[in-house]
Amino acid sequence: MSENFNETMKFEPPKENSVEPKEVLFSVYASLKEKGYNPIDQIIGYLLSGDPTYITSHNNARSLIRKLERDELLEEILRAYLKCDKV
């Protein structure tokens, strides 16, 4: 196996999560709404701070959202907002 060290290789680690960010966001949103919280404010608080206590433990929402990295969630939100496909 000969390797060319003059070329940049693109590395994409395998996804360990079988959880889709979109599904997580909708589920967490619904759980927060059920408990009477403002889901948008709570999710923003979590995304900005990383503090999981912004997310209710109702319906296992807190552990569900922690299965994903915050950047994955932000990527999903931005993709939906811009209505673009995956890169």
PDB file of N, CA and C in Angstrom:
ATOM      1  N   MET A   1       0.846  -1.173   0.000  1.00  0.00           N
ATOM      2  CA  MET A   1       0.000   0.000   0.000  1.00  0.00           C
ATOM      3  C   MET A   1       0.890   1.234   0.000  1.00  0.00           C
ATOM      4  N   SER A   2       0.932   1.929  -1.086  1.00  0.00           N
ATOM      5  CA  SER A   2       1.746   3.140  -1.140  1.00  0.00           C
ATOM      6  C   SER A   2       0.874   4.334  -0.801  1.00  0.00           C
ATOM      7  N   GLU A   3       1.423   5.233  -0.012  1.00  0.00           N
ATOM      8  CA  GLU A   3       0.692   6.421   0.407  1.00  0.00           C
ATOM      9  C   GLU A   3       1.372   7.652  -0.160  1.00  0.00           C
ATOM     10  N   ASN A   4       0.566   8.587  -0.578  1.00  0.00           N
ATOM     11  CA  ASN A   4       1.096   9.840  -1.091  1.00  0.00           C
ATOM     12  C   ASN A   4       0.925  10.889  -0.005  1.00  0.00           C
ATOM     13  N   PHE A   5       2.027  11.296   0.618  1.00  0.00           N
ATOM     14  CA  PHE A   5       1.975  12.235   1.726  1.00  0.00           C
ATOM     15  C   PHE A   5       1.867  13.686   1.263  1.00  0.00           C
ATOM     16  N   ASN A   6       1.778  13.903  -0.030  1.00  0.00           N
ATOM     17  CA  ASN A   6       1.645  15.255  -0.557  1.00  0.00           C
ATOM     18  C   ASN A   6       0.185  15.639  -0.791  1.00  0.00           C
ATOM     19  N   GLU A   7      -0.716  14.712  -0.568  1.00  0.00           N
ATOM     20  CA  GLU A   7      -2.133  14.975  -0.785  1.00  0.00           C
ATOM     21  C   GLU A   7      -2.867  14.982   0.550  1.00  0.00           C
ATOM     22  N   THR A   8      -3.846  15.832   0.630  1.00  0.00           N
ATOM     23  CA  THR A   8      -4.666  15.897   1.832  1.00  0.00           C
ATOM     24  C   THR A   8      -5.774  14.861   1.738  1.00  0.00           C
ATOM     25  N   MET A   9      -5.893  14.079   2.768  1.00  0.00           N
ATOM     26  CA  MET A   9      -6.947  13.072   2.830  1.00  0.00           C
ATOM     27  C   MET A   9      -8.090  13.617   3.673  1.00  0.00           C
ATOM     28  N   LYS A  10      -9.298  13.316   3.283  1.00  0.00           N
ATOM     29  CA  LYS A  10     -10.460  13.731   4.056  1.00  0.00           C
ATOM     30  C   LYS A  10     -10.872  12.578   4.945  1.00  0.00           C
ATOM     31  N   PHE A  11     -10.901  12.848   6.245  1.00  0.00           N
ATOM     32  CA  PHE A  11     -11.275  11.818   7.201  1.00  0.00           C
ATOM     33  C   PHE A  11     -12.664  12.116   7.738  1.00  0.00           C
ATOM     34  N   GLU A  12     -13.538  11.148   7.664  1.00  0.00           N
ATOM     35  CA  GLU A  12     -14.866  11.271   8.244  1.00  0.00           C
ATOM     36  C   GLU A  12     -15.054  10.104   9.200  1.00  0.00           C
ATOM     37  N   PRO A  13     -15.076  10.396  10.498  1.00  0.00           N
ATOM     38  CA  PRO A  13     -15.251   9.313  11.463  1.00  0.00           C
ATOM     39  C   PRO A  13     -16.633   8.693  11.317  1.00  0.00           C
ATOM     40  N   PRO A  14     -16.729   7.411  11.583  1.00  0.00           N
ATOM     41  CA  PRO A  14     -18.040   6.770  11.479  1.00  0.00           C
ATOM     42  C   PRO A  14     -18.977   7.322  12.529  1.00  0.00           C
ATOM     43  N   LYS A  15     -20.220   7.482  12.157  1.00  0.00           N
ATOM     44  CA  LYS A  15     -21.233   7.964  13.090  1.00  0.00           C
ATOM     45  C   LYS A  15     -21.579   6.846  14.064  1.00  0.00           C
ATOM     46  N   GLU A  16     -21.453   7.146  15.337  1.00  0.00           N
ATOM     47  CA  GLU A  16     -21.791   6.166  16.365  1.00  0.00           C
ATOM     48  C   GLU A  16     -23.262   6.266  16.743  1.00  0.00           C
ATOM     49  N   ASN A  17     -23.841   7.420  16.482  1.00  0.00           N
ATOM     50  CA  ASN A  17     -25.220   7.655  16.877  1.00  0.00           C
ATOM     51  C   ASN A  17     -26.180   7.131  15.823  1.00  0.00           C
ATOM     52  N   SER A  18     -27.202   6.462  16.286  1.00  0.00           N
ATOM     53  CA  SER A  18     -28.260   6.075  15.369  1.00  0.00           C
ATOM     54  C   SER A  18     -29.437   7.029  15.544  1.00  0.00           C
ATOM     55  N   VAL A  19     -29.217   8.079  16.339  1.00  0.00           N
ATOM     56  CA  VAL A  19     -30.242   9.060  16.633  1.00  0.00           C
ATOM     57  C   VAL A  19     -30.111  10.218  15.653  1.00  0.00           C
ATOM     58  N   GLU A  20     -31.209  10.591  15.044  1.00  0.00           N
ATOM     59  CA  GLU A  20     -31.214  11.702  14.100  1.00  0.00           C
ATOM     60  C   GLU A  20     -31.441  13.008  14.859  1.00  0.00           C
ATOM     61  N   PRO A  21     -30.621  14.024  14.595  1.00  0.00           N
ATOM     62  CA  PRO A  21     -30.775  15.312  15.285  1.00  0.00           C
ATOM     63  C   PRO A  21     -32.176  15.901  15.147  1.00  0.00           C
ATOM     64  N   LYS A  22     -32.776  15.778  13.981  1.00  0.00           N
ATOM     65  CA  LYS A  22     -34.114  16.326  13.756  1.00  0.00           C
ATOM     66  C   LYS A  22     -35.129  15.669  14.685  1.00  0.00           C
ATOM     67  N   GLU A  23     -35.038  14.350  14.813  1.00  0.00           N
ATOM     68  CA  GLU A  23     -35.958  13.616  15.689  1.00  0.00           C
ATOM     69  C   GLU A  23     -35.761  14.019  17.144  1.00  0.00           C
ATOM     70  N   VAL A  24     -34.504  14.193  17.545  1.00  0.00           N
ATOM     71  CA  VAL A  24     -34.194  14.595  18.913  1.00  0.00           C
ATOM     72  C   VAL A  24     -34.794  15.965  19.196  1.00  0.00           C
ATOM     73  N   LEU A  25     -34.590  16.904  18.292  1.00  0.00           N
ATOM     74  CA  LEU A  25     -35.108  18.259  18.504  1.00  0.00           C
ATOM     75  C   LEU A  25     -36.631  18.270  18.616  1.00  0.00           C
ATOM     76  N   PHE A  26     -37.316  17.540  17.750  1.00  0.00           N
ATOM     77  CA  PHE A  26     -38.776  17.496  17.813  1.00  0.00           C
ATOM     78  C   PHE A  26     -39.260  16.837  19.101  1.00  0.00           C
ATOM     79  N   SER A  27     -38.601  15.774  19.507  1.00  0.00           N
ATOM     80  CA  SER A  27     -38.980  15.070  20.731  1.00  0.00           C
ATOM     81  C   SER A  27     -38.752  15.938  21.967  1.00  0.00           C
ATOM     82  N   VAL A  28     -37.594  16.579  22.042  1.00  0.00           N
ATOM     83  CA  VAL A  28     -37.279  17.449  23.173  1.00  0.00           C
ATOM     84  C   VAL A  28     -38.239  18.637  23.195  1.00  0.00           C
ATOM     85  N   TYR A  29     -38.505  19.204  22.041  1.00  0.00           N
ATOM     86  CA  TYR A  29     -39.451  20.316  21.930  1.00  0.00           C
ATOM     87  C   TYR A  29     -40.812  19.918  22.514  1.00  0.00           C
ATOM     88  N   ALA A  30     -41.304  18.744  22.110  1.00  0.00           N
ATOM     89  CA  ALA A  30     -42.610  18.272  22.582  1.00  0.00           C
ATOM     90  C   ALA A  30     -42.607  18.050  24.097  1.00  0.00           C
ATOM     91  N   SER A  31     -41.535  17.480  24.620  1.00  0.00           N
ATOM     92  CA  SER A  31     -41.449  17.236  26.062  1.00  0.00           C
ATOM     93  C   SER A  31     -41.435  18.540  26.850  1.00  0.00           C
ATOM     94  N   LEU A  32     -40.683  19.524  26.369  1.00  0.00           N
ATOM     95  CA  LEU A  32     -40.632  20.822  27.040  1.00  0.00           C
ATOM     96  C   LEU A  32     -42.005  21.495  27.008  1.00  0.00           C
ATOM     97  N   LYS A  33     -42.666  21.418  25.873  1.00  0.00           N
ATOM     98  CA  LYS A  33     -43.993  22.021  25.725  1.00  0.00           C
ATOM     99  C   LYS A  33     -44.993  21.348  26.672  1.00  0.00           C
ATOM    100  N   GLU A  34     -44.939  20.013  26.754  1.00  0.00           N
ATOM    101  CA  GLU A  34     -45.824  19.272  27.660  1.00  0.00           C
ATOM    102  C   GLU A  34     -45.673  19.720  29.101  1.00  0.00           C
ATOM    103  N   LYS A  35     -44.449  20.043  29.489  1.00  0.00           N
ATOM    104  CA  LYS A  35     -44.182  20.454  30.864  1.00  0.00           C
ATOM    105  C   LYS A  35     -44.436  21.941  31.108  1.00  0.00           C
ATOM    106  N   GLY A  36     -44.827  22.670  30.058  1.00  0.00           N
ATOM    107  CA  GLY A  36     -45.190  24.066  30.212  1.00  0.00           C
ATOM    108  C   GLY A  36     -44.048  25.055  30.051  1.00  0.00           C
ATOM    109  N   TYR A  37     -42.909  24.579  29.568  1.00  0.00           N
ATOM    110  CA  TYR A  37     -41.772  25.465  29.333  1.00  0.00           C
ATOM    111  C   TYR A  37     -41.865  26.078  27.940  1.00  0.00           C
ATOM    112  N   ASN A  38     -41.113  27.151  27.717  1.00  0.00           N
ATOM    113  CA  ASN A  38     -40.969  27.714  26.380  1.00  0.00           C
ATOM    114  C   ASN A  38     -39.838  26.926  25.716  1.00  0.00           C
ATOM    115  N   PRO A  39     -40.182  26.005  24.805  1.00  0.00           N
ATOM    116  CA  PRO A  39     -39.178  25.105  24.234  1.00  0.00           C
ATOM    117  C   PRO A  39     -38.032  25.827  23.528  1.00  0.00           C
ATOM    118  N   ILE A  40     -38.341  26.896  22.815  1.00  0.00           N
ATOM    119  CA  ILE A  40     -37.300  27.612  22.085  1.00  0.00           C
ATOM    120  C   ILE A  40     -36.273  28.188  23.056  1.00  0.00           C
ATOM    121  N   ASP A  41     -36.759  28.880  24.085  1.00  0.00           N
ATOM    122  CA  ASP A  41     -35.849  29.467  25.075  1.00  0.00           C
ATOM    123  C   ASP A  41     -35.008  28.407  25.770  1.00  0.00           C
ATOM    124  N   GLN A  42     -35.624  27.293  26.115  1.00  0.00           N
ATOM    125  CA  GLN A  42     -34.915  26.240  26.842  1.00  0.00           C
ATOM    126  C   GLN A  42     -33.844  25.582  25.963  1.00  0.00           C
ATOM    127  N   ILE A  43     -34.178  25.302  24.712  1.00  0.00           N
ATOM    128  CA  ILE A  43     -33.216  24.670  23.805  1.00  0.00           C
ATOM    129  C   ILE A  43     -32.066  25.632  23.516  1.00  0.00           C
ATOM    130  N   ILE A  44     -32.378  26.914  23.323  1.00  0.00           N
ATOM    131  CA  ILE A  44     -31.318  27.902  23.110  1.00  0.00           C
ATOM    132  C   ILE A  44     -30.408  27.959  24.329  1.00  0.00           C
ATOM    133  N   GLY A  45     -30.989  27.960  25.513  1.00  0.00           N
ATOM    134  CA  GLY A  45     -30.193  27.967  26.739  1.00  0.00           C
ATOM    135  C   GLY A  45     -29.243  26.788  26.794  1.00  0.00           C
ATOM    136  N   TYR A  46     -29.742  25.619  26.420  1.00  0.00           N
ATOM    137  CA  TYR A  46     -28.894  24.420  26.403  1.00  0.00           C
ATOM    138  C   TYR A  46     -27.783  24.542  25.365  1.00  0.00           C
ATOM    139  N   LEU A  47     -28.140  24.972  24.171  1.00  0.00           N
ATOM    140  CA  LEU A  47     -27.146  25.062  23.097  1.00  0.00           C
ATOM    141  C   LEU A  47     -26.045  26.064  23.414  1.00  0.00           C
ATOM    142  N   LEU A  48     -26.409  27.179  24.031  1.00  0.00           N
ATOM    143  CA  LEU A  48     -25.415  28.200  24.350  1.00  0.00           C
ATOM    144  C   LEU A  48     -24.530  27.821  25.533  1.00  0.00           C
ATOM    145  N   SER A  49     -25.121  27.195  26.530  1.00  0.00           N
ATOM    146  CA  SER A  49     -24.377  26.935  27.770  1.00  0.00           C
ATOM    147  C   SER A  49     -23.835  25.521  27.886  1.00  0.00           C
ATOM    148  N   GLY A  50     -24.515  24.568  27.259  1.00  0.00           N
ATOM    149  CA  GLY A  50     -24.138  23.165  27.430  1.00  0.00           C
ATOM    150  C   GLY A  50     -24.696  22.569  28.712  1.00  0.00           C
ATOM    151  N   ASP A  51     -25.453  23.349  29.455  1.00  0.00           N
ATOM    152  CA  ASP A  51     -26.017  22.899  30.727  1.00  0.00           C
ATOM    153  C   ASP A  51     -27.287  22.083  30.457  1.00  0.00           C
ATOM    154  N   PRO A  52     -27.255  20.784  30.732  1.00  0.00           N
ATOM    155  CA  PRO A  52     -28.409  19.931  30.420  1.00  0.00           C
ATOM    156  C   PRO A  52     -29.641  20.219  31.275  1.00  0.00           C
ATOM    157  N   THR A  53     -29.497  20.997  32.352  1.00  0.00           N
ATOM    158  CA  THR A  53     -30.665  21.276  33.184  1.00  0.00           C
ATOM    159  C   THR A  53     -31.662  22.209  32.505  1.00  0.00           C
ATOM    160  N   TYR A  54     -31.298  22.794  31.380  1.00  0.00           N
ATOM    161  CA  TYR A  54     -32.265  23.553  30.596  1.00  0.00           C
ATOM    162  C   TYR A  54     -33.305  22.627  29.968  1.00  0.00           C
ATOM    163  N   ILE A  55     -32.991  21.360  29.875  1.00  0.00           N
ATOM    164  CA  ILE A  55     -33.874  20.383  29.239  1.00  0.00           C
ATOM    165  C   ILE A  55     -34.513  19.515  30.313  1.00  0.00           C
ATOM    166  N   THR A  56     -35.817  19.370  30.224  1.00  0.00           N
ATOM    167  CA  THR A  56     -36.553  18.557  31.189  1.00  0.00           C
ATOM    168  C   THR A  56     -36.155  17.087  31.084  1.00  0.00           C
ATOM    169  N   SER A  57     -36.279  16.387  32.191  1.00  0.00           N
ATOM    170  CA  SER A  57     -36.038  14.941  32.153  1.00  0.00           C
ATOM    171  C   SER A  57     -37.319  14.191  31.763  1.00  0.00           C
ATOM    172  N   HIS A  58     -38.409  14.928  31.621  1.00  0.00           N
ATOM    173  CA  HIS A  58     -39.698  14.353  31.202  1.00  0.00           C
ATOM    174  C   HIS A  58     -39.538  13.621  29.871  1.00  0.00           C
ATOM    175  N   ASN A  59     -40.079  12.444  29.787  1.00  0.00           N
ATOM    176  CA  ASN A  59     -39.986  11.604  28.577  1.00  0.00           C
ATOM    177  C   ASN A  59     -38.545  11.327  28.167  1.00  0.00           C
ATOM    178  N   ASN A  60     -37.639  11.371  29.125  1.00  0.00           N
ATOM    179  CA  ASN A  60     -36.225  11.065  28.868  1.00  0.00           C
ATOM    180  C   ASN A  60     -35.562  12.061  27.903  1.00  0.00           C
ATOM    181  N   ALA A  61     -36.126  13.284  27.830  1.00  0.00           N
ATOM    182  CA  ALA A  61     -35.644  14.288  26.887  1.00  0.00           C
ATOM    183  C   ALA A  61     -34.203  14.688  27.166  1.00  0.00           C
ATOM    184  N   ARG A  62     -33.841  14.821  28.434  1.00  0.00           N
ATOM    185  CA  ARG A  62     -32.493  15.270  28.779  1.00  0.00           C
ATOM    186  C   ARG A  62     -31.443  14.261  28.321  1.00  0.00           C
ATOM    187  N   SER A  63     -31.671  12.995  28.580  1.00  0.00           N
ATOM    188  CA  SER A  63     -30.673  12.008  28.155  1.00  0.00           C
ATOM    189  C   SER A  63     -30.674  11.847  26.638  1.00  0.00           C
ATOM    190  N   LEU A  64     -31.817  12.063  26.018  1.00  0.00           N
ATOM    191  CA  LEU A  64     -31.899  11.967  24.561  1.00  0.00           C
ATOM    192  C   LEU A  64     -31.077  13.061  23.895  1.00  0.00           C
ATOM    193  N   ILE A  65     -31.211  14.297  24.376  1.00  0.00           N
ATOM    194  CA  ILE A  65     -30.484  15.409  23.744  1.00  0.00           C
ATOM    195  C   ILE A  65     -28.982  15.286  23.989  1.00  0.00           C
ATOM    196  N   ARG A  66     -28.594  14.655  25.080  1.00  0.00           N
ATOM    197  CA  ARG A  66     -27.169  14.512  25.385  1.00  0.00           C
ATOM    198  C   ARG A  66     -26.503  13.407  24.564  1.00  0.00           C
ATOM    199  N   LYS A  67     -27.269  12.654  23.805  1.00  0.00           N
ATOM    200  CA  LYS A  67     -26.693  11.633  22.926  1.00  0.00           C
ATOM    201  C   LYS A  67     -26.010  12.265  21.720  1.00  0.00           C
ATOM    202  N   LEU A  68     -26.305  13.534  21.485  1.00  0.00           N
ATOM    203  CA  LEU A  68     -25.725  14.246  20.353  1.00  0.00           C
ATOM    204  C   LEU A  68     -24.867  15.395  20.858  1.00  0.00           C
ATOM    205  N   GLU A  69     -23.876  15.753  20.073  1.00  0.00           N
ATOM    206  CA  GLU A  69     -23.070  16.924  20.375  1.00  0.00           C
ATOM    207  C   GLU A  69     -23.891  18.164  20.015  1.00  0.00           C
ATOM    208  N   ARG A  70     -23.657  19.236  20.738  1.00  0.00           N
ATOM    209  CA  ARG A  70     -24.401  20.472  20.462  1.00  0.00           C
ATOM    210  C   ARG A  70     -24.160  20.963  19.048  1.00  0.00           C
ATOM    211  N   ASP A  71     -22.961  20.767  18.523  1.00  0.00           N
ATOM    212  CA  ASP A  71     -22.704  21.225  17.148  1.00  0.00           C
ATOM    213  C   ASP A  71     -23.528  20.445  16.130  1.00  0.00           C
ATOM    214  N   GLU A  72     -23.838  19.191  16.422  1.00  0.00           N
ATOM    215  CA  GLU A  72     -24.703  18.416  15.524  1.00  0.00           C
ATOM    216  C   GLU A  72     -26.110  18.999  15.502  1.00  0.00           C
ATOM    217  N   LEU A  73     -26.581  19.408  16.674  1.00  0.00           N
ATOM    218  CA  LEU A  73     -27.907  20.010  16.762  1.00  0.00           C
ATOM    219  C   LEU A  73     -27.944  21.353  16.043  1.00  0.00           C
ATOM    220  N   LEU A  74     -26.911  22.158  16.249  1.00  0.00           N
ATOM    221  CA  LEU A  74     -26.835  23.452  15.566  1.00  0.00           C
ATOM    222  C   LEU A  74     -26.768  23.276  14.051  1.00  0.00           C
ATOM    223  N   GLU A  75     -26.028  22.274  13.617  1.00  0.00           N
ATOM    224  CA  GLU A  75     -25.929  21.996  12.183  1.00  0.00           C
ATOM    225  C   GLU A  75     -27.294  21.658  11.613  1.00  0.00           C
ATOM    226  N   GLU A  76     -28.067  20.852  12.324  1.00  0.00           N
ATOM    227  CA  GLU A  76     -29.402  20.473  11.869  1.00  0.00           C
ATOM    228  C   GLU A  76     -30.315  21.696  11.796  1.00  0.00           C
ATOM    229  N   ILE A  77     -30.233  22.551  12.802  1.00  0.00           N
ATOM    230  CA  ILE A  77     -31.057  23.758  12.827  1.00  0.00           C
ATOM    231  C   ILE A  77     -30.697  24.680  11.657  1.00  0.00           C
ATOM    232  N   LEU A  78     -29.407  24.883  11.429  1.00  0.00           N
ATOM    233  CA  LEU A  78     -28.968  25.748  10.342  1.00  0.00           C
ATOM    234  C   LEU A  78     -29.346  25.170   8.985  1.00  0.00           C
ATOM    235  N   ARG A  79     -29.195  23.873   8.837  1.00  0.00           N
ATOM    236  CA  ARG A  79     -29.572  23.215   7.586  1.00  0.00           C
ATOM    237  C   ARG A  79     -31.063  23.409   7.292  1.00  0.00           C
ATOM    238  N   ALA A  80     -31.884  23.222   8.319  1.00  0.00           N
ATOM    239  CA  ALA A  80     -33.324  23.393   8.139  1.00  0.00           C
ATOM    240  C   ALA A  80     -33.674  24.841   7.834  1.00  0.00           C
ATOM    241  N   TYR A  81     -33.000  25.764   8.502  1.00  0.00           N
ATOM    242  CA  TYR A  81     -33.263  27.189   8.288  1.00  0.00           C
ATOM    243  C   TYR A  81     -32.883  27.600   6.866  1.00  0.00           C
ATOM    244  N   LEU A  82     -31.756  27.121   6.414  1.00  0.00           N
ATOM    245  CA  LEU A  82     -31.297  27.469   5.060  1.00  0.00           C
ATOM    246  C   LEU A  82     -31.857  26.538   3.995  1.00  0.00           C
ATOM    247  N   LYS A  83     -32.517  25.480   4.443  1.00  0.00           N
ATOM    248  CA  LYS A  83     -33.116  24.479   3.546  1.00  0.00           C
ATOM    249  C   LYS A  83     -32.092  23.939   2.545  1.00  0.00           C
ATOM    250  N   CYS A  84     -30.975  23.480   3.080  1.00  0.00           N
ATOM    251  CA  CYS A  84     -29.935  22.940   2.207  1.00  0.00           C
ATOM    252  C   CYS A  84     -29.694  21.474   2.533  1.00  0.00           C
ATOM    253  N   ASP A  85     -29.098  20.793   1.597  1.00  0.00           N
ATOM    254  CA  ASP A  85     -28.791  19.380   1.752  1.00  0.00           C
ATOM    255  C   ASP A  85     -27.504  19.196   2.544  1.00  0.00           C
ATOM    256  N   LYS A  86     -27.268  17.951   2.932  1.00  0.00           N
ATOM    257  CA  LYS A  86     -26.018  17.639   3.625  1.00  0.00           C
ATOM    258  C   LYS A  86     -24.850  17.812   2.670  1.00  0.00           C
ATOM    259  N   VAL A  87     -23.741  18.241   3.232  1.00  0.00           N
ATOM    260  CA  VAL A  87     -22.533  18.464   2.440  1.00  0.00           C
ATOM    261  C   VAL A  87     -21.812  17.160   2.242  1.00  0.00           C
TER     262      VAL A  87
END
